[in-house]
């Protein structure tokens, strides 16, 4: 019996919505949607269609028979656009980065390097922990 295979799927923002692609060359899957949820649903549908196509063509079992769990990785623009609750200037100040640069990341006009991505990710995780600690 095949076990569930974890596969990294990258979510990227565009001016029209969100695209997702799988990083694994053995699984050339892509999807698109006006929201991240729609793009994720589309990716699941694409996987299902590919598995069915392989079965109909009597080809060897592919795509792990559909037993795949997507682990999503987001680009900076998709996070900021998806949540839409962050004031870019305030977030940049909190993260200790230039607000203009963060706006460029959000709009896809610039790509953050590994160190900058880590700084933003750490800052967002710290913010998340602070929010989780709130008692009302």
Protein backbone atom coordinates (compact mmCIF):
# COMPACT_ATOMS: atom_id res chain seq x y z
CA UNK A 1 0.00 0.00 0.00
CA UNK A 2 1.38 3.41 -0.99
CA UNK A 3 1.85 5.92 1.78
CA UNK A 4 0.99 9.58 1.38
CA UNK A 5 3.77 11.51 -0.32
CA UNK A 6 4.42 15.07 0.86
CA UNK A 7 5.14 17.46 -1.97
CA UNK A 8 6.05 21.16 -1.80
CA UNK A 9 3.74 23.44 -3.76
CA UNK A 10 4.73 27.09 -4.20
CA UNK A 11 2.02 29.78 -4.09
CA UNK A 12 2.78 32.98 -5.99
CA UNK A 13 0.70 36.12 -6.38
CA UNK A 14 0.02 37.74 -9.74
CA UNK A 15 -2.04 40.75 -10.73
CA UNK A 16 -4.94 38.45 -11.64
CA UNK A 17 -4.87 35.97 -8.76
CA UNK A 18 -2.69 33.21 -7.39
CA UNK A 19 -0.72 30.50 -9.15
CA UNK A 20 0.63 27.31 -7.63
CA UNK A 21 3.31 25.03 -8.99
CA UNK A 22 4.82 21.86 -7.59
CA UNK A 23 8.60 21.96 -7.04
CA UNK A 24 9.04 18.25 -7.79
CA UNK A 25 10.03 17.61 -11.44
CA UNK A 26 8.31 14.21 -11.28
CA UNK A 27 4.97 15.94 -10.62
CA UNK A 28 4.54 18.71 -13.20
CA UNK A 29 1.39 20.19 -11.72
CA UNK A 30 0.25 23.81 -11.86
CA UNK A 31 -2.95 25.63 -10.98
CA UNK A 32 -4.46 29.09 -10.82
CA UNK A 33 -7.30 30.80 -9.00
CA UNK A 34 -8.60 34.23 -8.09
CA UNK A 35 -7.94 33.34 -4.43
CA UNK A 36 -5.45 31.03 -2.76
CA UNK A 37 -8.30 28.69 -1.81
CA UNK A 38 -9.46 28.56 -5.44
CA UNK A 39 -5.91 27.83 -6.64
CA UNK A 40 -5.54 25.04 -4.04
CA UNK A 41 -8.85 23.50 -5.15
CA UNK A 42 -7.73 23.75 -8.77
CA UNK A 43 -4.46 21.99 -7.88
CA UNK A 44 -6.38 19.15 -6.21
CA UNK A 45 -8.62 18.89 -9.29
CA UNK A 46 -5.60 18.84 -11.64
CA UNK A 47 -4.03 16.03 -9.59
CA UNK A 48 -7.27 14.04 -9.67
CA UNK A 49 -7.57 14.50 -13.45
CA UNK A 50 -3.96 13.41 -14.02
CA UNK A 51 -4.42 10.26 -11.93
CA UNK A 52 -7.63 9.41 -13.84
CA UNK A 53 -5.91 10.03 -17.21
CA UNK A 54 -3.09 7.67 -16.31
CA UNK A 55 -5.57 4.99 -15.21
CA UNK A 56 -7.59 5.30 -18.45
CA UNK A 57 -4.43 5.06 -20.55
CA UNK A 58 -3.40 1.97 -18.58
CA UNK A 59 -0.07 3.59 -17.77
CA UNK A 60 2.00 2.71 -14.74
CA UNK A 61 0.74 4.17 -11.52
CA UNK A 62 1.74 7.82 -11.45
CA UNK A 63 1.38 10.71 -9.07
CA UNK A 64 1.57 8.20 -6.21
CA UNK A 65 -1.95 7.12 -7.13
CA UNK A 66 -3.21 10.52 -5.99
CA UNK A 67 -1.97 9.94 -2.45
CA UNK A 68 -0.26 13.30 -2.17
CA UNK A 69 -0.28 15.89 0.58
CA UNK A 70 0.66 19.36 -0.59
CA UNK A 71 2.87 21.38 1.74
CA UNK A 72 2.41 25.00 0.71
CA UNK A 73 5.22 27.53 0.54
CA UNK A 74 4.24 31.15 -0.11
CA UNK A 75 6.05 34.02 -1.76
CA UNK A 76 5.96 37.35 0.06
CA UNK A 77 3.49 38.94 -2.34
CA UNK A 78 0.98 36.10 -1.96
CA UNK A 79 1.07 36.36 1.83
CA UNK A 80 0.53 40.11 1.87
CA UNK A 81 -2.17 40.03 -0.83
CA UNK A 82 -3.97 37.00 0.59
CA UNK A 83 -4.33 38.25 4.12
CA UNK A 84 -4.93 41.87 3.11
CA UNK A 85 -4.95 42.99 6.75
CA UNK A 86 -1.40 44.26 6.86
CA UNK A 87 -0.63 47.93 6.42
CA UNK A 88 2.56 47.67 4.40
CA UNK A 89 4.28 50.63 6.07
CA UNK A 90 3.42 49.47 9.59
CA UNK A 91 4.45 45.89 8.83
CA UNK A 92 7.73 47.04 7.28
CA UNK A 93 8.49 49.10 10.37
CA UNK A 94 7.75 46.13 12.61
CA UNK A 95 9.93 43.86 10.48
CA UNK A 96 12.74 46.40 10.30
CA UNK A 97 12.80 46.66 6.52
CA UNK A 98 12.20 49.45 4.03
CA UNK A 99 8.47 50.05 3.37
CA UNK A 100 9.06 50.83 -0.30
CA UNK A 101 10.93 47.56 -0.73
CA UNK A 102 8.13 45.60 1.00
CA UNK A 103 5.61 47.21 -1.40
CA UNK A 104 7.79 46.04 -4.29
CA UNK A 105 7.78 42.50 -2.89
CA UNK A 106 4.00 42.68 -2.48
CA UNK A 107 3.51 43.80 -6.07
CA UNK A 108 5.97 41.28 -7.48
CA UNK A 109 8.26 44.04 -8.72
CA UNK A 110 11.21 42.75 -6.68
CA UNK A 111 12.20 39.40 -5.22
CA UNK A 112 13.59 39.07 -1.72
CA UNK A 113 16.87 37.26 -1.25
CA UNK A 114 17.20 34.34 1.18
CA UNK A 115 18.27 36.50 4.15
CA UNK A 116 15.45 38.99 3.58
CA UNK A 117 12.90 36.17 3.20
CA UNK A 118 14.08 34.68 6.48
CA UNK A 119 13.83 38.07 8.21
CA UNK A 120 10.26 38.55 6.98
CA UNK A 121 9.25 34.98 7.85
CA UNK A 122 10.71 35.27 11.36
CA UNK A 123 8.95 38.61 11.87
CA UNK A 124 5.60 37.22 10.73
CA UNK A 125 5.99 34.15 12.96
CA UNK A 126 6.81 36.40 15.93
CA UNK A 127 3.72 38.50 15.17
CA UNK A 128 1.64 35.32 14.97
CA UNK A 129 2.86 34.14 18.35
CA UNK A 130 2.03 37.52 19.86
CA UNK A 131 -1.47 37.39 18.37
CA UNK A 132 -1.97 33.85 19.69
CA UNK A 133 -1.09 35.01 23.19
CA UNK A 134 -3.86 37.62 23.28
CA UNK A 135 -6.54 36.99 25.90
CA UNK A 136 -9.87 38.80 25.83
